[in-house]
Structure formats: structure tokens, C-alpha cells
Amino acid sequence: MSLHTSLKRAEKSGRFRSVWKRAERIKWLLEKGLKKDELPIYGLPKIKIVKMKATKKSKAKQAEEKTESGKSS
């Protein structure tokens, strides 16, 4: 019997996860300067994860930038 696709490991899926596991949140809080003694046992603060999507420039804008950079040189 095979493993259901929803139960496979998250690292293999390659999708963006908006929810972190406890260990990941603790690691992030320690990197931000919170001391290990100050971390609560229960009720860790939630961390909002924002994924930025880069947009491609249109060909017209790229052409304008090339002409502007050529004029300024």
C-alpha cells in the first residue's frame, strides 16, 4: 500500500508554507534576539510569513530603461 500524497514530506513538495512548525518559530525568534529564557513554554507568538512575487517588466519598459541609461552615460 502506498502513502497518500497529502501525507508526504513538506520539503519534497516544494510549495510555500505559510505556517511554521514550533522548532522553526523558535529558531526565528532566537535569530531576532529573543533570549531562550524569555520564550514562553506555551503560546509562542505567531509569525506572519509574506511571500514576495517578482513581476516581469514589459518589453516597452525595458526598452525605455535602455534608452534612458544610454542617454545618462
PDB file of N, CA and C in Angstrom:
ATOM      1  N   MET A   1       0.840  -1.173   0.000  1.00  0.00           N
ATOM      2  CA  MET A   1       0.000   0.000   0.000  1.00  0.00           C
ATOM      3  C   MET A   1       0.890   1.243   0.000  1.00  0.00           C
ATOM      4  N   SER A   2       0.547   2.215  -0.796  1.00  0.00           N
ATOM      5  CA  SER A   2       1.394   3.404  -0.921  1.00  0.00           C
ATOM      6  C   SER A   2       0.919   4.512   0.014  1.00  0.00           C
ATOM      7  N   LEU A   3       1.786   5.483   0.208  1.00  0.00           N
ATOM      8  CA  LEU A   3       1.499   6.623   1.066  1.00  0.00           C
ATOM      9  C   LEU A   3       0.672   7.649   0.304  1.00  0.00           C
ATOM     10  N   HIS A   4      -0.358   8.169   0.962  1.00  0.00           N
ATOM     11  CA  HIS A   4      -1.219   9.169   0.322  1.00  0.00           C
ATOM     12  C   HIS A   4      -0.407  10.435   0.043  1.00  0.00           C
ATOM     13  N   THR A   5      -0.715  11.109  -1.051  1.00  0.00           N
ATOM     14  CA  THR A   5       0.067  12.280  -1.467  1.00  0.00           C
ATOM     15  C   THR A   5       0.007  13.413  -0.454  1.00  0.00           C
ATOM     16  N   SER A   6      -1.072  13.546   0.288  1.00  0.00           N
ATOM     17  CA  SER A   6      -1.178  14.634   1.264  1.00  0.00           C
ATOM     18  C   SER A   6      -0.311  14.390   2.490  1.00  0.00           C
ATOM     19  N   LEU A   7       0.159  13.164   2.682  1.00  0.00           N
ATOM     20  CA  LEU A   7       0.955  12.831   3.860  1.00  0.00           C
ATOM     21  C   LEU A   7       2.455  12.806   3.586  1.00  0.00           C
ATOM     22  N   LYS A   8       2.855  13.112   2.384  1.00  0.00           N
ATOM     23  CA  LYS A   8       4.279  13.119   2.052  1.00  0.00           C
ATOM     24  C   LYS A   8       4.969  14.304   2.705  1.00  0.00           C
ATOM     25  N   ARG A   9       6.276  14.255   2.773  1.00  0.00           N
ATOM     26  CA  ARG A   9       7.044  15.289   3.463  1.00  0.00           C
ATOM     27  C   ARG A   9       6.920  16.639   2.780  1.00  0.00           C
ATOM     28  N   ALA A  10       6.914  17.692   3.589  1.00  0.00           N
ATOM     29  CA  ALA A  10       6.737  19.051   3.075  1.00  0.00           C
ATOM     30  C   ALA A  10       7.945  19.513   2.265  1.00  0.00           C
ATOM     31  N   GLU A  11       9.154  19.063   2.629  1.00  0.00           N
ATOM     32  CA  GLU A  11      10.349  19.520   1.924  1.00  0.00           C
ATOM     33  C   GLU A  11      10.346  19.063   0.470  1.00  0.00           C
ATOM     34  N   LYS A  12       9.758  17.931   0.225  1.00  0.00           N
ATOM     35  CA  LYS A  12       9.759  17.393  -1.127  1.00  0.00           C
ATOM     36  C   LYS A  12       8.742  18.078  -2.019  1.00  0.00           C
ATOM     37  N   SER A  13       7.712  18.631  -1.425  1.00  0.00           N
ATOM     38  CA  SER A  13       6.656  19.223  -2.246  1.00  0.00           C
ATOM     39  C   SER A  13       7.124  20.497  -2.935  1.00  0.00           C
ATOM     40  N   GLY A  14       7.985  21.280  -2.282  1.00  0.00           N
ATOM     41  CA  GLY A  14       8.494  22.497  -2.884  1.00  0.00           C
ATOM     42  C   GLY A  14       7.516  23.653  -2.838  1.00  0.00           C
ATOM     43  N   ARG A  15       6.379  23.470  -2.206  1.00  0.00           N
ATOM     44  CA  ARG A  15       5.405  24.551  -2.118  1.00  0.00           C
ATOM     45  C   ARG A  15       5.760  25.477  -0.962  1.00  0.00           C
ATOM     46  N   PHE A  16       5.260  26.689  -1.048  1.00  0.00           N
ATOM     47  CA  PHE A  16       5.471  27.672   0.004  1.00  0.00           C
ATOM     48  C   PHE A  16       4.535  27.361   1.165  1.00  0.00           C
ATOM     49  N   ARG A  17       5.093  27.268   2.373  1.00  0.00           N
ATOM     50  CA  ARG A  17       4.269  27.005   3.551  1.00  0.00           C
ATOM     51  C   ARG A  17       4.099  28.300   4.328  1.00  0.00           C
ATOM     52  N   SER A  18       2.866  28.640   4.645  1.00  0.00           N
ATOM     53  CA  SER A  18       2.608  29.865   5.392  1.00  0.00           C
ATOM     54  C   SER A  18       2.599  29.613   6.896  1.00  0.00           C
ATOM     55  N   VAL A  19       2.694  28.369   7.310  1.00  0.00           N
ATOM     56  CA  VAL A  19       2.677  28.021   8.727  1.00  0.00           C
ATOM     57  C   VAL A  19       3.997  27.347   9.066  1.00  0.00           C
ATOM     58  N   TRP A  20       4.632  27.816  10.130  1.00  0.00           N
ATOM     59  CA  TRP A  20       5.885  27.224  10.569  1.00  0.00           C
ATOM     60  C   TRP A  20       5.646  26.260  11.711  1.00  0.00           C
ATOM     61  N   LYS A  21       6.522  25.286  11.831  1.00  0.00           N
ATOM     62  CA  LYS A  21       6.484  24.366  12.954  1.00  0.00           C
ATOM     63  C   LYS A  21       7.111  25.065  14.154  1.00  0.00           C
ATOM     64  N   ARG A  22       6.916  24.490  15.338  1.00  0.00           N
ATOM     65  CA  ARG A  22       7.398  25.096  16.579  1.00  0.00           C
ATOM     66  C   ARG A  22       8.907  25.334  16.535  1.00  0.00           C
ATOM     67  N   ALA A  23       9.661  24.354  16.084  1.00  0.00           N
ATOM     68  CA  ALA A  23      11.123  24.484  16.042  1.00  0.00           C
ATOM     69  C   ALA A  23      11.546  25.615  15.117  1.00  0.00           C
ATOM     70  N   GLU A  24      10.847  25.781  14.003  1.00  0.00           N
ATOM     71  CA  GLU A  24      11.173  26.855  13.064  1.00  0.00           C
ATOM     72  C   GLU A  24      10.875  28.221  13.674  1.00  0.00           C
ATOM     73  N   ARG A  25       9.758  28.329  14.408  1.00  0.00           N
ATOM     74  CA  ARG A  25       9.432  29.610  15.048  1.00  0.00           C
ATOM     75  C   ARG A  25      10.436  29.957  16.131  1.00  0.00           C
ATOM     76  N   ILE A  26      10.847  28.964  16.922  1.00  0.00           N
ATOM     77  CA  ILE A  26      11.832  29.212  17.980  1.00  0.00           C
ATOM     78  C   ILE A  26      13.154  29.660  17.369  1.00  0.00           C
ATOM     79  N   LYS A  27      13.579  28.990  16.304  1.00  0.00           N
ATOM     80  CA  LYS A  27      14.829  29.360  15.631  1.00  0.00           C
ATOM     81  C   LYS A  27      14.765  30.799  15.139  1.00  0.00           C
ATOM     82  N   TRP A  28      13.640  31.209  14.532  1.00  0.00           N
ATOM     83  CA  TRP A  28      13.472  32.564  14.017  1.00  0.00           C
ATOM     84  C   TRP A  28      13.494  33.579  15.157  1.00  0.00           C
ATOM     85  N   LEU A  29      12.826  33.276  16.277  1.00  0.00           N
ATOM     86  CA  LEU A  29      12.800  34.194  17.415  1.00  0.00           C
ATOM     87  C   LEU A  29      14.187  34.355  18.027  1.00  0.00           C
ATOM     88  N   LEU A  30      14.950  33.267  18.097  1.00  0.00           N
ATOM     89  CA  LEU A  30      16.308  33.356  18.635  1.00  0.00           C
ATOM     90  C   LEU A  30      17.206  34.187  17.728  1.00  0.00           C
ATOM     91  N   GLU A  31      17.023  34.076  16.410  1.00  0.00           N
ATOM     92  CA  GLU A  31      17.807  34.881  15.471  1.00  0.00           C
ATOM     93  C   GLU A  31      17.472  36.357  15.590  1.00  0.00           C
ATOM     94  N   LYS A  32      16.237  36.679  15.953  1.00  0.00           N
ATOM     95  CA  LYS A  32      15.808  38.071  16.077  1.00  0.00           C
ATOM     96  C   LYS A  32      16.223  38.690  17.407  1.00  0.00           C
ATOM     97  N   GLY A  33      16.839  37.908  18.287  1.00  0.00           N
ATOM     98  CA  GLY A  33      17.383  38.480  19.506  1.00  0.00           C
ATOM     99  C   GLY A  33      16.629  38.142  20.774  1.00  0.00           C
ATOM    100  N   LEU A  34      15.592  37.340  20.696  1.00  0.00           N
ATOM    101  CA  LEU A  34      14.867  36.938  21.895  1.00  0.00           C
ATOM    102  C   LEU A  34      15.672  35.852  22.597  1.00  0.00           C
ATOM    103  N   LYS A  35      15.875  35.995  23.904  1.00  0.00           N
ATOM    104  CA  LYS A  35      16.675  35.024  24.641  1.00  0.00           C
ATOM    105  C   LYS A  35      15.864  33.765  24.903  1.00  0.00           C
ATOM    106  N   LYS A  36      16.571  32.661  25.037  1.00  0.00           N
ATOM    107  CA  LYS A  36      15.902  31.376  25.225  1.00  0.00           C
ATOM    108  C   LYS A  36      15.119  31.353  26.536  1.00  0.00           C
ATOM    109  N   ASP A  37      15.588  32.076  27.553  1.00  0.00           N
ATOM    110  CA  ASP A  37      14.886  32.114  28.835  1.00  0.00           C
ATOM    111  C   ASP A  37      13.577  32.893  28.737  1.00  0.00           C
ATOM    112  N   GLU A  38      13.483  33.815  27.792  1.00  0.00           N
ATOM    113  CA  GLU A  38      12.290  34.647  27.648  1.00  0.00           C
ATOM    114  C   GLU A  38      11.190  33.973  26.836  1.00  0.00           C
ATOM    115  N   LEU A  39      11.500  32.867  26.162  1.00  0.00           N
ATOM    116  CA  LEU A  39      10.499  32.189  25.337  1.00  0.00           C
ATOM    117  C   LEU A  39       9.443  31.531  26.218  1.00  0.00           C
ATOM    118  N   PRO A  40       8.176  31.753  25.933  1.00  0.00           N
ATOM    119  CA  PRO A  40       7.132  31.088  26.711  1.00  0.00           C
ATOM    120  C   PRO A  40       7.049  29.607  26.342  1.00  0.00           C
ATOM    121  N   ILE A  41       6.642  28.797  27.311  1.00  0.00           N
ATOM    122  CA  ILE A  41       6.503  27.368  27.040  1.00  0.00           C
ATOM    123  C   ILE A  41       5.316  27.137  26.120  1.00  0.00           C
ATOM    124  N   TYR A  42       4.217  27.801  26.437  1.00  0.00           N
ATOM    125  CA  TYR A  42       3.012  27.698  25.614  1.00  0.00           C
ATOM    126  C   TYR A  42       2.727  29.050  24.990  1.00  0.00           C
ATOM    127  N   GLY A  43       2.066  29.051  23.883  1.00  0.00           N
ATOM    128  CA  GLY A  43       1.633  30.303  23.268  1.00  0.00           C
ATOM    129  C   GLY A  43       2.750  31.104  22.634  1.00  0.00           C
ATOM    130  N   LEU A  44       3.562  30.471  21.817  1.00  0.00           N
ATOM    131  CA  LEU A  44       4.584  31.220  21.078  1.00  0.00           C
ATOM    132  C   LEU A  44       3.900  32.232  20.166  1.00  0.00           C
ATOM    133  N   PRO A  45       4.501  33.389  19.979  1.00  0.00           N
ATOM    134  CA  PRO A  45       3.872  34.375  19.088  1.00  0.00           C
ATOM    135  C   PRO A  45       3.819  33.863  17.658  1.00  0.00           C
ATOM    136  N   LYS A  46       2.735  34.217  16.981  1.00  0.00           N
ATOM    137  CA  LYS A  46       2.594  33.822  15.587  1.00  0.00           C
ATOM    138  C   LYS A  46       3.467  34.727  14.734  1.00  0.00           C
ATOM    139  N   ILE A  47       4.018  34.174  13.688  1.00  0.00           N
ATOM    140  CA  ILE A  47       4.911  34.908  12.805  1.00  0.00           C
ATOM    141  C   ILE A  47       4.282  34.924  11.424  1.00  0.00           C
ATOM    142  N   LYS A  48       4.049  36.106  10.911  1.00  0.00           N
ATOM    143  CA  LYS A  48       3.455  36.222   9.585  1.00  0.00           C
ATOM    144  C   LYS A  48       4.549  36.083   8.542  1.00  0.00           C
ATOM    145  N   ILE A  49       4.337  35.178   7.621  1.00  0.00           N
ATOM    146  CA  ILE A  49       5.293  34.925   6.558  1.00  0.00           C
ATOM    147  C   ILE A  49       4.706  35.485   5.275  1.00  0.00           C
ATOM    148  N   VAL A  50       5.439  36.379   4.641  1.00  0.00           N
ATOM    149  CA  VAL A  50       4.955  37.005   3.416  1.00  0.00           C
ATOM    150  C   VAL A  50       5.844  36.563   2.269  1.00  0.00           C
ATOM    151  N   LYS A  51       5.220  36.055   1.241  1.00  0.00           N
ATOM    152  CA  LYS A  51       5.967  35.638   0.058  1.00  0.00           C
ATOM    153  C   LYS A  51       5.860  36.739  -0.977  1.00  0.00           C
ATOM    154  N   MET A  52       6.995  37.241  -1.409  1.00  0.00           N
ATOM    155  CA  MET A  52       7.021  38.302  -2.408  1.00  0.00           C
ATOM    156  C   MET A  52       7.163  37.671  -3.784  1.00  0.00           C
ATOM    157  N   LYS A  53       6.348  38.113  -4.694  1.00  0.00           N
ATOM    158  CA  LYS A  53       6.407  37.598  -6.053  1.00  0.00           C
ATOM    159  C   LYS A  53       6.973  38.680  -6.957  1.00  0.00           C
ATOM    160  N   ALA A  54       8.026  38.348  -7.661  1.00  0.00           N
ATOM    161  CA  ALA A  54       8.652  39.305  -8.576  1.00  0.00           C
ATOM    162  C   ALA A  54       7.868  39.326  -9.880  1.00  0.00           C
ATOM    163  N   THR A  55       7.607  40.520 -10.361  1.00  0.00           N
ATOM    164  CA  THR A  55       6.893  40.645 -11.630  1.00  0.00           C
ATOM    165  C   THR A  55       7.892  40.947 -12.734  1.00  0.00           C
ATOM    166  N   LYS A  56       7.582  40.465 -13.896  1.00  0.00           N
ATOM    167  CA  LYS A  56       8.446  40.717 -15.044  1.00  0.00           C
ATOM    168  C   LYS A  56       8.105  42.069 -15.649  1.00  0.00           C
ATOM    169  N   LYS A  57       9.123  42.747 -16.142  1.00  0.00           N
ATOM    170  CA  LYS A  57       8.909  44.032 -16.795  1.00  0.00           C
ATOM    171  C   LYS A  57       8.475  43.796 -18.231  1.00  0.00           C
ATOM    172  N   SER A  58       7.628  44.671 -18.698  1.00  0.00           N
ATOM    173  CA  SER A  58       7.189  44.541 -20.087  1.00  0.00           C
ATOM    174  C   SER A  58       8.327  44.955 -21.020  1.00  0.00           C
ATOM    175  N   LYS A  59       8.228  44.551 -22.257  1.00  0.00           N
ATOM    176  CA  LYS A  59       9.279  44.869 -23.229  1.00  0.00           C
ATOM    177  C   LYS A  59       9.383  46.369 -23.465  1.00  0.00           C
ATOM    178  N   ALA A  60       8.255  47.074 -23.402  1.00  0.00           N
ATOM    179  CA  ALA A  60       8.269  48.519 -23.616  1.00  0.00           C
ATOM    180  C   ALA A  60       9.046  49.219 -22.499  1.00  0.00           C
ATOM    181  N   LYS A  61       8.835  48.796 -21.254  1.00  0.00           N
ATOM    182  CA  LYS A  61       9.544  49.412 -20.133  1.00  0.00           C
ATOM    183  C   LYS A  61      11.035  49.102 -20.195  1.00  0.00           C
ATOM    184  N   GLN A  62      11.377  47.889 -20.615  1.00  0.00           N
ATOM    185  CA  GLN A  62      12.791  47.541 -20.737  1.00  0.00           C
ATOM    186  C   GLN A  62      13.467  48.394 -21.804  1.00  0.00           C
ATOM    187  N   ALA A  63      12.768  48.637 -22.902  1.00  0.00           N
ATOM    188  CA  ALA A  63      13.324  49.466 -23.975  1.00  0.00           C
ATOM    189  C   ALA A  63      13.516  50.902 -23.494  1.00  0.00           C
ATOM    190  N   GLU A  64      12.554  51.419 -22.710  1.00  0.00           N
ATOM    191  CA  GLU A  64      12.669  52.779 -22.173  1.00  0.00           C
ATOM    192  C   GLU A  64      13.873  52.891 -21.252  1.00  0.00           C
ATOM    193  N   GLU A  65      14.069  51.891 -20.403  1.00  0.00           N
ATOM    194  CA  GLU A  65      15.196  51.930 -19.476  1.00  0.00           C
ATOM    195  C   GLU A  65      16.527  51.894 -20.220  1.00  0.00           C
ATOM    196  N   LYS A  66      16.583  51.133 -21.295  1.00  0.00           N
ATOM    197  CA  LYS A  66      17.822  51.065 -22.074  1.00  0.00           C
ATOM    198  C   LYS A  66      18.134  52.410 -22.710  1.00  0.00           C
ATOM    199  N   THR A  67      17.106  53.080 -23.224  1.00  0.00           N
ATOM    200  CA  THR A  67      17.345  54.379 -23.855  1.00  0.00           C
ATOM    201  C   THR A  67      17.712  55.425 -22.812  1.00  0.00           C
ATOM    202  N   GLU A  68      17.099  55.370 -21.634  1.00  0.00           N
ATOM    203  CA  GLU A  68      17.425  56.322 -20.568  1.00  0.00           C
ATOM    204  C   GLU A  68      18.835  56.094 -20.052  1.00  0.00           C
ATOM    205  N   SER A  69      19.230  54.838 -19.909  1.00  0.00           N
ATOM    206  CA  SER A  69      20.577  54.565 -19.409  1.00  0.00           C
ATOM    207  C   SER A  69      21.629  54.950 -20.456  1.00  0.00           C
ATOM    208  N   GLY A  70      21.280  54.854 -21.721  1.00  0.00           N
ATOM    209  CA  GLY A  70      22.198  55.258 -22.787  1.00  0.00           C
ATOM    210  C   GLY A  70      22.386  56.756 -22.828  1.00  0.00           C
ATOM    211  N   LYS A  71      21.336  57.514 -22.504  1.00  0.00           N
ATOM    212  CA  LYS A  71      21.419  58.974 -22.503  1.00  0.00           C
ATOM    213  C   LYS A  71      22.233  59.488 -21.330  1.00  0.00           C
ATOM    214  N   SER A  72      22.119  58.830 -20.174  1.00  0.00           N
ATOM    215  CA  SER A  72      22.804  59.322 -18.986  1.00  0.00           C
ATOM    216  C   SER A  72      24.291  59.002 -19.007  1.00  0.00           C
ATOM    217  N   SER A  73      24.728  58.029 -19.809  1.00  0.00           N
ATOM    218  CA  SER A  73      26.149  57.676 -19.829  1.00  0.00           C
ATOM    219  C   SER A  73      26.957  58.618 -20.642  1.00  0.00           C
TER     220      SER A  73
END
